[in-house]
Amino acid sequence: MRLVVDISLYPLDQEYIPLIKDFIERLNGYSQLTTSTSATSTIVAGEMDELMAILNSEMQITYDQVGQAVFVCKFLNGNDMRDVH
């Protein structure tokens, strides 16, 4: 099943912008994912099992980097990012 995730990251660190950019760049590095970034969130689409495994790994990396961070996510089963609009 395809999954679309709208995700926002709020690192609890004064130097939050580099941490957000790093997270987005890491997601963009997965050829099996489709990503689109706006001013407030990134939309990621892919096969559900694969996407969830990637998010699990990348969120753990972020927590290891910053300690405390908030991820706000919306999940939608669907074929592509147009499904969230």
PDB file of N, CA and C in Angstrom:
ATOM      1  N   MET A   1       0.850  -1.173   0.000  1.00  0.00           N
ATOM      2  CA  MET A   1       0.000   0.000   0.000  1.00  0.00           C
ATOM      3  C   MET A   1       0.896   1.237   0.000  1.00  0.00           C
ATOM      4  N   ARG A   2       0.486   2.239  -0.747  1.00  0.00           N
ATOM      5  CA  ARG A   2       1.194   3.519  -0.775  1.00  0.00           C
ATOM      6  C   ARG A   2       0.747   4.365   0.414  1.00  0.00           C
ATOM      7  N   LEU A   3       1.693   5.146   0.911  1.00  0.00           N
ATOM      8  CA  LEU A   3       1.436   6.019   2.046  1.00  0.00           C
ATOM      9  C   LEU A   3       2.006   7.399   1.745  1.00  0.00           C
ATOM     10  N   VAL A   4       1.275   8.430   2.153  1.00  0.00           N
ATOM     11  CA  VAL A   4       1.733   9.811   2.054  1.00  0.00           C
ATOM     12  C   VAL A   4       1.795  10.360   3.472  1.00  0.00           C
ATOM     13  N   VAL A   5       2.939  10.956   3.840  1.00  0.00           N
ATOM     14  CA  VAL A   5       3.129  11.519   5.176  1.00  0.00           C
ATOM     15  C   VAL A   5       3.484  12.992   5.034  1.00  0.00           C
ATOM     16  N   ASP A   6       2.743  13.821   5.738  1.00  0.00           N
ATOM     17  CA  ASP A   6       3.044  15.246   5.843  1.00  0.00           C
ATOM     18  C   ASP A   6       3.712  15.416   7.210  1.00  0.00           C
ATOM     19  N   ILE A   7       5.011  15.765   7.204  1.00  0.00           N
ATOM     20  CA  ILE A   7       5.780  15.762   8.439  1.00  0.00           C
ATOM     21  C   ILE A   7       6.450  17.113   8.684  1.00  0.00           C
ATOM     22  N   SER A   8       6.356  17.584   9.920  1.00  0.00           N
ATOM     23  CA  SER A   8       7.041  18.805  10.356  1.00  0.00           C
ATOM     24  C   SER A   8       7.935  18.445  11.527  1.00  0.00           C
ATOM     25  N   LEU A   9       9.127  19.011  11.532  1.00  0.00           N
ATOM     26  CA  LEU A   9      10.093  18.763  12.597  1.00  0.00           C
ATOM     27  C   LEU A   9      10.337  20.051  13.365  1.00  0.00           C
ATOM     28  N   TYR A  10      10.277  19.958  14.687  1.00  0.00           N
ATOM     29  CA  TYR A  10      10.554  21.083  15.567  1.00  0.00           C
ATOM     30  C   TYR A  10      11.622  20.663  16.571  1.00  0.00           C
ATOM     31  N   PRO A  11      12.922  20.807  16.211  1.00  0.00           N
ATOM     32  CA  PRO A  11      13.973  20.470  17.172  1.00  0.00           C
ATOM     33  C   PRO A  11      13.956  21.476  18.327  1.00  0.00           C
ATOM     34  N   LEU A  12      14.088  20.996  19.535  1.00  0.00           N
ATOM     35  CA  LEU A  12      14.108  21.876  20.695  1.00  0.00           C
ATOM     36  C   LEU A  12      15.556  22.296  20.959  1.00  0.00           C
ATOM     37  N   ASP A  13      16.050  23.130  20.038  1.00  0.00           N
ATOM     38  CA  ASP A  13      17.429  23.581  20.036  1.00  0.00           C
ATOM     39  C   ASP A  13      17.458  24.962  19.402  1.00  0.00           C
ATOM     40  N   GLN A  14      18.277  25.856  19.932  1.00  0.00           N
ATOM     41  CA  GLN A  14      18.347  27.205  19.368  1.00  0.00           C
ATOM     42  C   GLN A  14      18.850  27.197  17.925  1.00  0.00           C
ATOM     43  N   GLU A  15      19.676  26.244  17.580  1.00  0.00           N
ATOM     44  CA  GLU A  15      20.195  26.120  16.209  1.00  0.00           C
ATOM     45  C   GLU A  15      19.355  25.085  15.450  1.00  0.00           C
ATOM     46  N   TYR A  16      18.081  25.358  15.297  1.00  0.00           N
ATOM     47  CA  TYR A  16      17.143  24.375  14.744  1.00  0.00           C
ATOM     48  C   TYR A  16      17.177  24.271  13.220  1.00  0.00           C
ATOM     49  N   ILE A  17      17.514  25.341  12.515  1.00  0.00           N
ATOM     50  CA  ILE A  17      17.440  25.313  11.050  1.00  0.00           C
ATOM     51  C   ILE A  17      18.378  24.277  10.440  1.00  0.00           C
ATOM     52  N   PRO A  18      19.650  24.201  10.845  1.00  0.00           N
ATOM     53  CA  PRO A  18      20.516  23.158  10.264  1.00  0.00           C
ATOM     54  C   PRO A  18      20.005  21.740  10.532  1.00  0.00           C
ATOM     55  N   LEU A  19      19.382  21.518  11.681  1.00  0.00           N
ATOM     56  CA  LEU A  19      18.840  20.195  12.008  1.00  0.00           C
ATOM     57  C   LEU A  19      17.666  19.845  11.103  1.00  0.00           C
ATOM     58  N   ILE A  20      16.809  20.808  10.827  1.00  0.00           N
ATOM     59  CA  ILE A  20      15.671  20.580   9.931  1.00  0.00           C
ATOM     60  C   ILE A  20      16.169  20.315   8.520  1.00  0.00           C
ATOM     61  N   LYS A  21      17.116  21.138   8.055  1.00  0.00           N
ATOM     62  CA  LYS A  21      17.664  20.952   6.703  1.00  0.00           C
ATOM     63  C   LYS A  21      18.322  19.589   6.556  1.00  0.00           C
ATOM     64  N   ASP A  22      19.044  19.158   7.587  1.00  0.00           N
ATOM     65  CA  ASP A  22      19.692  17.850   7.543  1.00  0.00           C
ATOM     66  C   ASP A  22      18.662  16.732   7.424  1.00  0.00           C
ATOM     67  N   PHE A  23      17.594  16.814   8.196  1.00  0.00           N
ATOM     68  CA  PHE A  23      16.542  15.797   8.140  1.00  0.00           C
ATOM     69  C   PHE A  23      15.928  15.736   6.739  1.00  0.00           C
ATOM     70  N   ILE A  24      15.625  16.895   6.161  1.00  0.00           N
ATOM     71  CA  ILE A  24      15.024  16.942   4.822  1.00  0.00           C
ATOM     72  C   ILE A  24      15.997  16.385   3.780  1.00  0.00           C
ATOM     73  N   GLU A  25      17.263  16.756   3.868  1.00  0.00           N
ATOM     74  CA  GLU A  25      18.264  16.248   2.920  1.00  0.00           C
ATOM     75  C   GLU A  25      18.400  14.737   3.003  1.00  0.00           C
ATOM     76  N   ARG A  26      18.339  14.203   4.214  1.00  0.00           N
ATOM     77  CA  ARG A  26      18.419  12.743   4.360  1.00  0.00           C
ATOM     78  C   ARG A  26      17.212  12.077   3.714  1.00  0.00           C
ATOM     79  N   LEU A  27      16.007  12.631   3.913  1.00  0.00           N
ATOM     80  CA  LEU A  27      14.821  12.057   3.262  1.00  0.00           C
ATOM     81  C   LEU A  27      14.931  12.139   1.748  1.00  0.00           C
ATOM     82  N   ASN A  28      15.455  13.256   1.245  1.00  0.00           N
ATOM     83  CA  ASN A  28      15.620  13.417  -0.204  1.00  0.00           C
ATOM     84  C   ASN A  28      16.619  12.423  -0.791  1.00  0.00           C
ATOM     85  N   GLY A  29      17.456  11.842   0.050  1.00  0.00           N
ATOM     86  CA  GLY A  29      18.463  10.895  -0.418  1.00  0.00           C
ATOM     87  C   GLY A  29      17.930   9.510  -0.744  1.00  0.00           C
ATOM     88  N   TYR A  30      16.683   9.242  -0.432  1.00  0.00           N
ATOM     89  CA  TYR A  30      16.088   7.926  -0.701  1.00  0.00           C
ATOM     90  C   TYR A  30      15.388   7.963  -2.056  1.00  0.00           C
ATOM     91  N   SER A  31      15.940   7.235  -3.010  1.00  0.00           N
ATOM     92  CA  SER A  31      15.367   7.244  -4.365  1.00  0.00           C
ATOM     93  C   SER A  31      13.979   6.615  -4.411  1.00  0.00           C
ATOM     94  N   GLN A  32      13.640   5.772  -3.452  1.00  0.00           N
ATOM     95  CA  GLN A  32      12.337   5.109  -3.451  1.00  0.00           C
ATOM     96  C   GLN A  32      11.225   5.998  -2.886  1.00  0.00           C
ATOM     97  N   LEU A  33      11.594   7.184  -2.382  1.00  0.00           N
ATOM     98  CA  LEU A  33      10.601   8.111  -1.840  1.00  0.00           C
ATOM     99  C   LEU A  33      10.421   9.296  -2.780  1.00  0.00           C
ATOM    100  N   THR A  34       9.217   9.848  -2.758  1.00  0.00           N
ATOM    101  CA  THR A  34       8.934  11.109  -3.437  1.00  0.00           C
ATOM    102  C   THR A  34       8.743  12.149  -2.348  1.00  0.00           C
ATOM    103  N   THR A  35       9.458  13.271  -2.447  1.00  0.00           N
ATOM    104  CA  THR A  35       9.354  14.302  -1.413  1.00  0.00           C
ATOM    105  C   THR A  35       9.041  15.657  -2.028  1.00  0.00           C
ATOM    106  N   SER A  36       8.380  16.472  -1.236  1.00  0.00           N
ATOM    107  CA  SER A  36       8.074  17.848  -1.608  1.00  0.00           C
ATOM    108  C   SER A  36       8.087  18.677  -0.334  1.00  0.00           C
ATOM    109  N   THR A  37       8.935  19.705  -0.300  1.00  0.00           N
ATOM    110  CA  THR A  37       9.084  20.507   0.908  1.00  0.00           C
ATOM    111  C   THR A  37       8.487  21.889   0.708  1.00  0.00           C
ATOM    112  N   SER A  38       7.712  22.329   1.703  1.00  0.00           N
ATOM    113  CA  SER A  38       7.165  23.689   1.711  1.00  0.00           C
ATOM    114  C   SER A  38       7.788  24.430   2.893  1.00  0.00           C
ATOM    115  N   ALA A  39       7.296  25.607   3.185  1.00  0.00           N
ATOM    116  CA  ALA A  39       7.843  26.414   4.273  1.00  0.00           C
ATOM    117  C   ALA A  39       7.622  25.787   5.648  1.00  0.00           C
ATOM    118  N   THR A  40       6.586  24.951   5.788  1.00  0.00           N
ATOM    119  CA  THR A  40       6.259  24.432   7.115  1.00  0.00           C
ATOM    120  C   THR A  40       6.316  22.919   7.261  1.00  0.00           C
ATOM    121  N   SER A  41       6.398  22.188   6.151  1.00  0.00           N
ATOM    122  CA  SER A  41       6.415  20.734   6.264  1.00  0.00           C
ATOM    123  C   SER A  41       7.000  20.104   5.010  1.00  0.00           C
ATOM    124  N   THR A  42       7.253  18.814   5.121  1.00  0.00           N
ATOM    125  CA  THR A  42       7.699  18.023   3.978  1.00  0.00           C
ATOM    126  C   THR A  42       6.704  16.893   3.783  1.00  0.00           C
ATOM    127  N   ILE A  43       6.299  16.695   2.554  1.00  0.00           N
ATOM    128  CA  ILE A  43       5.408  15.592   2.216  1.00  0.00           C
ATOM    129  C   ILE A  43       6.258  14.501   1.603  1.00  0.00           C
ATOM    130  N   VAL A  44       6.120  13.292   2.134  1.00  0.00           N
ATOM    131  CA  VAL A  44       6.904  12.151   1.684  1.00  0.00           C
ATOM    132  C   VAL A  44       5.936  11.052   1.282  1.00  0.00           C
ATOM    133  N   ALA A  45       6.178  10.446   0.125  1.00  0.00           N
ATOM    134  CA  ALA A  45       5.311   9.365  -0.354  1.00  0.00           C
ATOM    135  C   ALA A  45       6.163   8.159  -0.720  1.00  0.00           C
ATOM    136  N   GLY A  46       5.609   6.974  -0.443  1.00  0.00           N
ATOM    137  CA  GLY A  46       6.299   5.734  -0.786  1.00  0.00           C
ATOM    138  C   GLY A  46       5.474   4.543  -0.345  1.00  0.00           C
ATOM    139  N   GLU A  47       6.055   3.363  -0.528  1.00  0.00           N
ATOM    140  CA  GLU A  47       5.392   2.155  -0.057  1.00  0.00           C
ATOM    141  C   GLU A  47       5.393   2.156   1.471  1.00  0.00           C
ATOM    142  N   MET A  48       4.273   1.831   2.064  1.00  0.00           N
ATOM    143  CA  MET A  48       4.070   2.007   3.503  1.00  0.00           C
ATOM    144  C   MET A  48       5.167   1.374   4.353  1.00  0.00           C
ATOM    145  N   ASP A  49       5.448   0.088   4.162  1.00  0.00           N
ATOM    146  CA  ASP A  49       6.425  -0.588   5.016  1.00  0.00           C
ATOM    147  C   ASP A  49       7.800   0.050   4.889  1.00  0.00           C
ATOM    148  N   GLU A  50       8.181   0.353   3.671  1.00  0.00           N
ATOM    149  CA  GLU A  50       9.482   0.957   3.421  1.00  0.00           C
ATOM    150  C   GLU A  50       9.560   2.374   3.989  1.00  0.00           C
ATOM    151  N   LEU A  51       8.525   3.165   3.760  1.00  0.00           N
ATOM    152  CA  LEU A  51       8.482   4.534   4.247  1.00  0.00           C
ATOM    153  C   LEU A  51       8.519   4.577   5.770  1.00  0.00           C
ATOM    154  N   MET A  52       7.764   3.730   6.426  1.00  0.00           N
ATOM    155  CA  MET A  52       7.741   3.718   7.885  1.00  0.00           C
ATOM    156  C   MET A  52       9.100   3.293   8.452  1.00  0.00           C
ATOM    157  N   ALA A  53       9.776   2.349   7.800  1.00  0.00           N
ATOM    158  CA  ALA A  53      11.110   1.937   8.251  1.00  0.00           C
ATOM    159  C   ALA A  53      12.104   3.084   8.108  1.00  0.00           C
ATOM    160  N   ILE A  54      12.011   3.817   7.007  1.00  0.00           N
ATOM    161  CA  ILE A  54      12.890   4.961   6.776  1.00  0.00           C
ATOM    162  C   ILE A  54      12.623   6.049   7.815  1.00  0.00           C
ATOM    163  N   LEU A  55      11.357   6.369   8.043  1.00  0.00           N
ATOM    164  CA  LEU A  55      11.029   7.393   9.038  1.00  0.00           C
ATOM    165  C   LEU A  55      11.511   6.979  10.424  1.00  0.00           C
ATOM    166  N   ASN A  56      11.355   5.728  10.766  1.00  0.00           N
ATOM    167  CA  ASN A  56      11.837   5.225  12.056  1.00  0.00           C
ATOM    168  C   ASN A  56      13.333   5.471  12.201  1.00  0.00           C
ATOM    169  N   SER A  57      14.086   5.115  11.191  1.00  0.00           N
ATOM    170  CA  SER A  57      15.533   5.282  11.215  1.00  0.00           C
ATOM    171  C   SER A  57      15.940   6.755  11.257  1.00  0.00           C
ATOM    172  N   GLU A  58      15.335   7.558  10.406  1.00  0.00           N
ATOM    173  CA  GLU A  58      15.712   8.974  10.316  1.00  0.00           C
ATOM    174  C   GLU A  58      15.267   9.768  11.537  1.00  0.00           C
ATOM    175  N   MET A  59      14.144   9.427  12.116  1.00  0.00           N
ATOM    176  CA  MET A  59      13.719  10.095  13.345  1.00  0.00           C
ATOM    177  C   MET A  59      14.674   9.755  14.479  1.00  0.00           C
ATOM    178  N   GLN A  60      15.123   8.517  14.549  1.00  0.00           N
ATOM    179  CA  GLN A  60      16.084   8.115  15.580  1.00  0.00           C
ATOM    180  C   GLN A  60      17.387   8.896  15.435  1.00  0.00           C
ATOM    181  N   ILE A  61      17.862   9.068  14.197  1.00  0.00           N
ATOM    182  CA  ILE A  61      19.072   9.859  13.956  1.00  0.00           C
ATOM    183  C   ILE A  61      18.883  11.278  14.466  1.00  0.00           C
ATOM    184  N   THR A  62      17.734  11.868  14.175  1.00  0.00           N
ATOM    185  CA  THR A  62      17.460  13.232  14.643  1.00  0.00           C
ATOM    186  C   THR A  62      17.443  13.301  16.158  1.00  0.00           C
ATOM    187  N   TYR A  63      16.795  12.347  16.815  1.00  0.00           N
ATOM    188  CA  TYR A  63      16.776  12.345  18.278  1.00  0.00           C
ATOM    189  C   TYR A  63      18.183  12.189  18.846  1.00  0.00           C
ATOM    190  N   ASP A  64      19.008  11.361  18.201  1.00  0.00           N
ATOM    191  CA  ASP A  64      20.391  11.194  18.650  1.00  0.00           C
ATOM    192  C   ASP A  64      21.184  12.489  18.485  1.00  0.00           C
ATOM    193  N   GLN A  65      20.887  13.254  17.431  1.00  0.00           N
ATOM    194  CA  GLN A  65      21.596  14.510  17.181  1.00  0.00           C
ATOM    195  C   GLN A  65      21.209  15.602  18.167  1.00  0.00           C
ATOM    196  N   VAL A  66      19.922  15.750  18.414  1.00  0.00           N
ATOM    197  CA  VAL A  66      19.431  16.931  19.137  1.00  0.00           C
ATOM    198  C   VAL A  66      18.947  16.635  20.551  1.00  0.00           C
ATOM    199  N   GLY A  67      18.613  15.406  20.835  1.00  0.00           N
ATOM    200  CA  GLY A  67      18.071  15.072  22.164  1.00  0.00           C
ATOM    201  C   GLY A  67      16.566  15.179  22.184  1.00  0.00           C
ATOM    202  N   GLN A  68      16.048  16.399  22.159  1.00  0.00           N
ATOM    203  CA  GLN A  68      14.601  16.610  22.195  1.00  0.00           C
ATOM    204  C   GLN A  68      14.136  17.238  20.881  1.00  0.00           C
ATOM    205  N   ALA A  69      13.097  16.672  20.309  1.00  0.00           N
ATOM    206  CA  ALA A  69      12.514  17.204  19.079  1.00  0.00           C
ATOM    207  C   ALA A  69      11.065  16.743  19.001  1.00  0.00           C
ATOM    208  N   VAL A  70      10.253  17.550  18.354  1.00  0.00           N
ATOM    209  CA  VAL A  70       8.849  17.219  18.134  1.00  0.00           C
ATOM    210  C   VAL A  70       8.651  16.955  16.646  1.00  0.00           C
ATOM    211  N   PHE A  71       8.054  15.831  16.320  1.00  0.00           N
ATOM    212  CA  PHE A  71       7.640  15.526  14.956  1.00  0.00           C
ATOM    213  C   PHE A  71       6.115  15.570  14.920  1.00  0.00           C
ATOM    214  N   VAL A  72       5.564  16.343  14.013  1.00  0.00           N
ATOM    215  CA  VAL A  72       4.119  16.385  13.802  1.00  0.00           C
ATOM    216  C   VAL A  72       3.873  15.752  12.449  1.00  0.00           C
ATOM    217  N   CYS A  73       3.091  14.672  12.434  1.00  0.00           N
ATOM    218  CA  CYS A  73       2.887  13.912  11.199  1.00  0.00           C
ATOM    219  C   CYS A  73       1.402  13.683  10.931  1.00  0.00           C
ATOM    220  N   LYS A  74       1.067  13.722   9.645  1.00  0.00           N
ATOM    221  CA  LYS A  74      -0.257  13.322   9.184  1.00  0.00           C
ATOM    222  C   LYS A  74      -0.039  12.213   8.169  1.00  0.00           C
ATOM    223  N   PHE A  75      -0.771  11.122   8.305  1.00  0.00           N
ATOM    224  CA  PHE A  75      -0.621   9.953   7.451  1.00  0.00           C
ATOM    225  C   PHE A  75      -1.879   9.760   6.614  1.00  0.00           C
ATOM    226  N   LEU A  76      -1.675   9.489   5.332  1.00  0.00           N
ATOM    227  CA  LEU A  76      -2.793   9.259   4.420  1.00  0.00           C
ATOM    228  C   LEU A  76      -2.423   8.142   3.472  1.00  0.00           C
ATOM    229  N   ASN A  77      -3.271   7.117   3.422  1.00  0.00           N
ATOM    230  CA  ASN A  77      -3.015   6.100   2.412  1.00  0.00           C
ATOM    231  C   ASN A  77      -3.426   6.683   1.068  1.00  0.00           C
ATOM    232  N   GLY A  78      -2.575   6.519   0.068  1.00  0.00           N
ATOM    233  CA  GLY A  78      -2.875   7.101  -1.227  1.00  0.00           C
ATOM    234  C   GLY A  78      -1.766   6.847  -2.210  1.00  0.00           C
ATOM    235  N   ASN A  79      -1.983   7.307  -3.434  1.00  0.00           N
ATOM    236  CA  ASN A  79      -1.054   7.026  -4.515  1.00  0.00           C
ATOM    237  C   ASN A  79       0.032   8.076  -4.676  1.00  0.00           C
ATOM    238  N   ASP A  80      -0.266   9.312  -4.377  1.00  0.00           N
ATOM    239  CA  ASP A  80       0.743  10.333  -4.538  1.00  0.00           C
ATOM    240  C   ASP A  80       0.403  11.559  -3.688  1.00  0.00           C
ATOM    241  N   MET A  81       1.245  12.561  -3.767  1.00  0.00           N
ATOM    242  CA  MET A  81       1.113  13.726  -2.909  1.00  0.00           C
ATOM    243  C   MET A  81      -0.102  14.580  -3.248  1.00  0.00           C
ATOM    244  N   ARG A  82      -0.657  14.442  -4.421  1.00  0.00           N
ATOM    245  CA  ARG A  82      -1.873  15.198  -4.740  1.00  0.00           C
ATOM    246  C   ARG A  82      -3.033  14.787  -3.851  1.00  0.00           C
ATOM    247  N   ASP A  83      -2.938  13.586  -3.254  1.00  0.00           N
ATOM    248  CA  ASP A  83      -4.013  13.099  -2.397  1.00  0.00           C
ATOM    249  C   ASP A  83      -4.161  13.917  -1.109  1.00  0.00           C
ATOM    250  N   VAL A  84      -3.131  14.685  -0.728  1.00  0.00           N
ATOM    251  CA  VAL A  84      -3.219  15.440   0.525  1.00  0.00           C
ATOM    252  C   VAL A  84      -3.844  16.806   0.324  1.00  0.00           C
ATOM    253  N   HIS A  85      -4.060  17.237  -0.891  1.00  0.00           N
ATOM    254  CA  HIS A  85      -4.609  18.572  -1.161  1.00  0.00           C
ATOM    255  C   HIS A  85      -6.095  18.514  -1.372  1.00  0.00           C
TER     256      HIS A  85
END
